[in-house]
Amino acid sequence: MTSFEINRTYIPENIRAVVFDFDNTLVDCIKPKVPQHRHTAKQLGIELSDEDILSNWSSHSFSGLLDKLYGVQSSLANQLIIEQYDQFPKEIYPDTIPTLRALGQSGLHLALMTSLRIDRLEKDFEATGIEPLLLEYVQTEKDTPVHKPNGAVFDPTKKWLHSVSVHDPENALYIGDAIEDMQAARAAKLGFVGIDRGFVTREQFENAGALCVSSLAELVLR
């Protein structure tokens, strides 16, 4: 087994649980899914630009994004996206699984908090090879009607944190790629570390007063 240490620059000694965003944090979603939305829209006679898609990406749940992009055709769009999923699969970042394993082996509690639907997340797990057992808890769209940047989006995750004796949210850390992730974590009193996956830059996170990594691998010293 490779020896490692937690990088205390990003995960201080008081942190007992790390909660991850999913899209563009654990898996690359932008590269495959923006073209899929353009493809889906074209099939429905709608013209969508990259800016149309990206400007709404992090401010809506998945269902909310469909409503925003496709309007009354959102249900049909969802059906097409499901049917054509295998043509546009998400791709796992190479640092994802090694980092999850290392942090889990260190004794940290690991969780996922995403606005994805559970059926979509299960397909993503299967396609990317992420083992659900690497995560002790998963919160999806069905668990709350609230969405980031509202801090109440973390309420179900906070209940789980209490169940593993992490009673103070300041002893938990959220890692995400969007400013809305940071805003929600701060509102919920969780710690936050941004990740620069090309959506929000390190400079933008640092200007907002947040630490930022360029890859999940930076969370662990090998």
Protein backbone atom coordinates (compact mmCIF):
# COMPACT_ATOMS: atom_id res chain seq x y z
CA MET A 1 0.00 0.00 0.00
CA THR A 2 1.34 3.41 -0.95
CA SER A 3 1.97 5.62 2.05
CA PHE A 4 0.33 9.03 2.12
CA GLU A 5 -0.59 11.91 4.38
CA ILE A 6 -3.57 14.23 4.28
CA ASN A 7 -2.59 17.66 3.00
CA ARG A 8 -3.43 19.81 6.01
CA THR A 9 -3.27 22.98 3.91
CA TYR A 10 -6.66 21.98 2.51
CA ILE A 11 -8.01 19.50 5.06
CA PRO A 12 -7.24 20.85 8.56
CA GLU A 13 -6.95 18.65 11.63
CA ASN A 14 -10.49 19.50 12.78
CA ILE A 15 -12.09 18.09 9.61
CA ARG A 16 -13.73 14.71 10.14
CA ALA A 17 -15.87 14.47 7.00
CA VAL A 18 -15.38 15.49 3.38
CA VAL A 19 -18.41 15.99 1.13
CA PHE A 20 -17.93 16.17 -2.62
CA ASP A 21 -19.85 17.74 -5.45
CA PHE A 22 -20.12 15.35 -8.42
CA ASP A 23 -20.21 16.98 -11.85
CA ASN A 24 -16.89 18.63 -12.73
CA THR A 25 -15.50 17.69 -9.33
CA LEU A 26 -15.34 13.88 -9.44
CA VAL A 27 -16.23 13.48 -13.13
CA ASP A 28 -15.87 15.60 -16.26
CA CYS A 29 -19.39 16.61 -17.16
CA ILE A 30 -18.90 19.71 -19.29
CA LYS A 31 -16.95 18.10 -22.11
CA PRO A 32 -19.52 15.41 -22.94
CA LYS A 33 -22.77 16.94 -21.74
CA VAL A 34 -22.68 20.39 -23.36
CA PRO A 35 -22.51 18.75 -26.82
CA GLN A 36 -25.29 16.38 -25.74
CA HIS A 37 -27.55 19.28 -24.81
CA ARG A 38 -26.86 20.95 -28.15
CA HIS A 39 -27.61 17.66 -29.91
CA THR A 40 -30.82 17.13 -27.93
CA ALA A 41 -31.98 20.70 -28.55
CA LYS A 42 -31.40 20.34 -32.27
CA GLN A 43 -33.57 17.22 -32.32
CA LEU A 44 -36.35 19.28 -30.73
CA GLY A 45 -35.93 22.23 -33.08
CA ILE A 46 -34.25 24.43 -30.44
CA GLU A 47 -30.98 26.28 -30.93
CA LEU A 48 -28.74 26.31 -27.85
CA SER A 49 -25.30 27.85 -27.59
CA ASP A 50 -22.61 26.79 -25.14
CA GLU A 51 -23.28 30.02 -23.24
CA ASP A 52 -27.01 29.22 -23.00
CA ILE A 53 -26.13 25.93 -21.34
CA LEU A 54 -23.22 26.98 -19.15
CA SER A 55 -24.83 30.16 -17.82
CA ASN A 56 -27.60 28.03 -16.27
CA TRP A 57 -25.50 25.02 -15.35
CA SER A 58 -24.75 25.52 -11.67
CA SER A 59 -27.80 27.55 -10.65
CA HIS A 60 -30.39 24.81 -11.24
CA SER A 61 -31.01 21.20 -10.31
CA PHE A 62 -30.89 18.82 -13.28
CA SER A 63 -34.67 18.99 -13.65
CA GLY A 64 -34.56 22.77 -13.30
CA LEU A 65 -31.89 22.99 -16.00
CA LEU A 66 -34.08 20.96 -18.37
CA ASP A 67 -37.03 23.27 -17.69
CA LYS A 68 -34.86 26.31 -18.35
CA LEU A 69 -33.32 25.01 -21.56
CA TYR A 70 -36.26 23.13 -23.08
CA GLY A 71 -39.39 24.66 -21.56
CA VAL A 72 -42.50 22.64 -22.31
CA GLN A 73 -40.36 20.04 -24.08
CA SER A 74 -38.30 19.26 -20.97
CA SER A 75 -39.85 15.81 -20.47
CA LEU A 76 -39.11 14.84 -24.06
CA ALA A 77 -35.60 16.26 -23.71
CA ASN A 78 -35.04 14.13 -20.62
CA GLN A 79 -36.20 11.03 -22.49
CA LEU A 80 -33.79 11.75 -25.36
CA ILE A 81 -30.91 12.38 -22.97
CA ILE A 82 -31.52 9.04 -21.27
CA GLU A 83 -31.84 7.18 -24.57
CA GLN A 84 -28.64 8.72 -25.94
CA TYR A 85 -26.61 8.67 -22.72
CA ASP A 86 -24.11 6.12 -24.01
CA GLN A 87 -23.22 8.43 -26.89
CA PHE A 88 -22.11 11.16 -24.46
CA PRO A 89 -20.79 9.43 -21.31
CA LYS A 90 -19.18 11.40 -18.51
CA GLU A 91 -15.50 10.73 -17.94
CA ILE A 92 -13.88 10.16 -14.57
CA TYR A 93 -10.90 12.30 -13.67
CA PRO A 94 -7.79 10.16 -13.11
CA ASP A 95 -7.30 11.51 -9.57
CA THR A 96 -10.84 10.74 -8.36
CA ILE A 97 -10.76 7.11 -7.22
CA PRO A 98 -7.19 7.17 -5.80
CA THR A 99 -8.04 10.26 -3.75
CA LEU A 100 -11.33 8.86 -2.47
CA ARG A 101 -9.60 5.66 -1.42
CA ALA A 102 -6.76 7.51 0.30
CA LEU A 103 -9.08 9.84 2.22
CA GLY A 104 -11.32 6.95 3.22
CA GLN A 105 -8.35 4.93 4.44
CA SER A 106 -7.30 7.91 6.56
CA GLY A 107 -10.51 7.58 8.59
CA LEU A 108 -12.39 10.53 7.14
CA HIS A 109 -16.11 10.12 6.49
CA LEU A 110 -16.82 10.64 2.77
CA ALA A 111 -20.09 11.74 1.19
CA LEU A 112 -21.53 13.08 -2.05
CA MET A 113 -23.98 15.95 -2.37
CA THR A 114 -25.32 16.49 -5.87
CA SER A 115 -28.43 17.87 -7.55
CA LEU A 116 -28.51 14.93 -9.97
CA ARG A 117 -31.42 12.52 -10.07
CA ILE A 118 -30.62 9.18 -8.45
CA ASP A 119 -31.25 7.19 -11.65
CA ARG A 120 -28.84 9.45 -13.57
CA LEU A 121 -26.21 9.20 -10.86
CA GLU A 122 -26.42 5.41 -10.87
CA LYS A 123 -25.76 5.40 -14.62
CA ASP A 124 -22.82 7.75 -14.08
CA PHE A 125 -21.37 5.49 -11.39
CA GLU A 126 -21.62 2.53 -13.74
CA ALA A 127 -20.11 4.39 -16.70
CA THR A 128 -17.21 5.92 -14.78
CA GLY A 129 -16.35 3.00 -12.52
CA ILE A 130 -16.94 4.86 -9.25
CA GLU A 131 -17.76 2.30 -6.57
CA PRO A 132 -20.66 3.51 -4.39
CA LEU A 133 -18.98 1.85 -1.39
CA LEU A 134 -16.27 4.52 -1.55
CA LEU A 135 -18.91 6.94 -0.23
CA GLU A 136 -20.74 6.50 3.07
CA TYR A 137 -23.62 8.78 2.09
CA VAL A 138 -25.10 10.14 -1.14
CA GLN A 139 -27.56 13.04 -1.34
CA THR A 140 -29.38 13.54 -4.66
CA GLU A 141 -32.13 15.71 -6.10
CA LYS A 142 -34.89 13.64 -4.45
CA ASP A 143 -33.64 14.47 -0.97
CA THR A 144 -34.41 18.20 -1.04
CA PRO A 145 -36.25 20.76 -3.19
CA VAL A 146 -33.59 23.33 -2.24
CA HIS A 147 -30.70 24.08 -4.56
CA LYS A 148 -27.33 25.78 -4.24
CA PRO A 149 -26.42 28.53 -3.36
CA ASN A 150 -29.05 28.13 -0.60
CA GLY A 151 -27.27 26.65 2.42
CA ALA A 152 -30.37 24.64 3.33
CA VAL A 153 -29.44 22.30 0.47
CA PHE A 154 -27.07 20.68 2.97
CA ASP A 155 -29.78 19.86 5.53
CA PRO A 156 -30.08 16.15 4.58
CA THR A 157 -26.29 15.82 4.58
CA LYS A 158 -26.13 17.51 7.99
CA LYS A 159 -28.52 14.89 9.35
CA TRP A 160 -26.18 12.20 8.08
CA LEU A 161 -23.21 14.03 9.59
CA HIS A 162 -24.96 13.93 12.96
CA SER A 163 -25.49 10.18 12.51
CA VAL A 164 -21.71 9.68 12.26
CA SER A 165 -21.13 11.99 15.24
CA VAL A 166 -20.01 15.03 13.24
CA HIS A 167 -22.26 17.47 15.07
CA ASP A 168 -20.54 20.72 14.13
CA PRO A 169 -20.71 21.54 10.39
CA GLU A 170 -17.35 23.31 10.77
CA ASN A 171 -15.87 19.81 11.13
CA ALA A 172 -16.98 18.99 7.59
CA LEU A 173 -15.58 20.21 4.30
CA TYR A 174 -17.32 20.57 0.93
CA ILE A 175 -15.35 20.40 -2.30
CA GLY A 176 -16.88 21.80 -5.48
CA ASP A 177 -16.13 23.54 -8.75
CA ALA A 178 -18.62 26.43 -8.70
CA ILE A 179 -19.08 29.71 -6.85
CA GLU A 180 -22.56 28.48 -5.91
CA ASP A 181 -20.91 25.50 -4.19
CA MET A 182 -18.84 27.88 -2.10
CA GLN A 183 -21.79 30.10 -1.26
CA ALA A 184 -23.94 27.17 -0.17
CA ALA A 185 -21.18 25.65 1.95
CA ARG A 186 -20.51 28.94 3.68
CA ALA A 187 -24.22 29.51 4.34
CA ALA A 188 -24.40 26.03 5.88
CA LYS A 189 -21.26 26.72 7.99
CA LEU A 190 -19.22 23.98 6.28
CA GLY A 191 -15.64 24.49 5.26
CA PHE A 192 -15.01 24.77 1.53
CA VAL A 193 -12.26 24.09 -0.98
CA GLY A 194 -12.74 24.94 -4.63
CA ILE A 195 -11.37 22.88 -7.49
CA ASP A 196 -10.33 24.45 -10.77
CA ARG A 197 -11.72 22.16 -13.44
CA GLY A 198 -11.93 24.98 -15.99
CA PHE A 199 -15.34 26.25 -14.88
CA VAL A 200 -14.21 28.59 -12.11
CA THR A 201 -10.51 29.43 -11.97
CA ARG A 202 -8.19 29.25 -8.99
CA GLU A 203 -7.88 33.04 -9.14
CA GLN A 204 -11.65 33.51 -8.97
CA PHE A 205 -11.94 31.21 -5.95
CA GLU A 206 -9.02 32.89 -4.21
CA ASN A 207 -10.46 36.33 -4.93
CA ALA A 208 -13.63 35.12 -3.20
CA GLY A 209 -11.56 34.11 -0.18
CA ALA A 210 -11.57 30.34 -0.80
CA LEU A 211 -8.74 27.86 -1.01
CA CYS A 212 -8.52 26.08 -4.35
CA VAL A 213 -6.82 23.00 -5.75
CA SER A 214 -6.12 22.16 -9.37
CA SER A 215 -6.77 18.46 -8.81
CA LEU A 216 -8.13 16.20 -6.10
CA ALA A 217 -4.69 14.65 -5.84
CA GLU A 218 -3.51 17.81 -4.06
CA LEU A 219 -5.61 16.81 -1.05
CA VAL A 220 -3.16 13.99 -0.36
CA LEU A 221 0.62 14.08 0.06
CA ARG A 222 2.33 10.98 -1.31
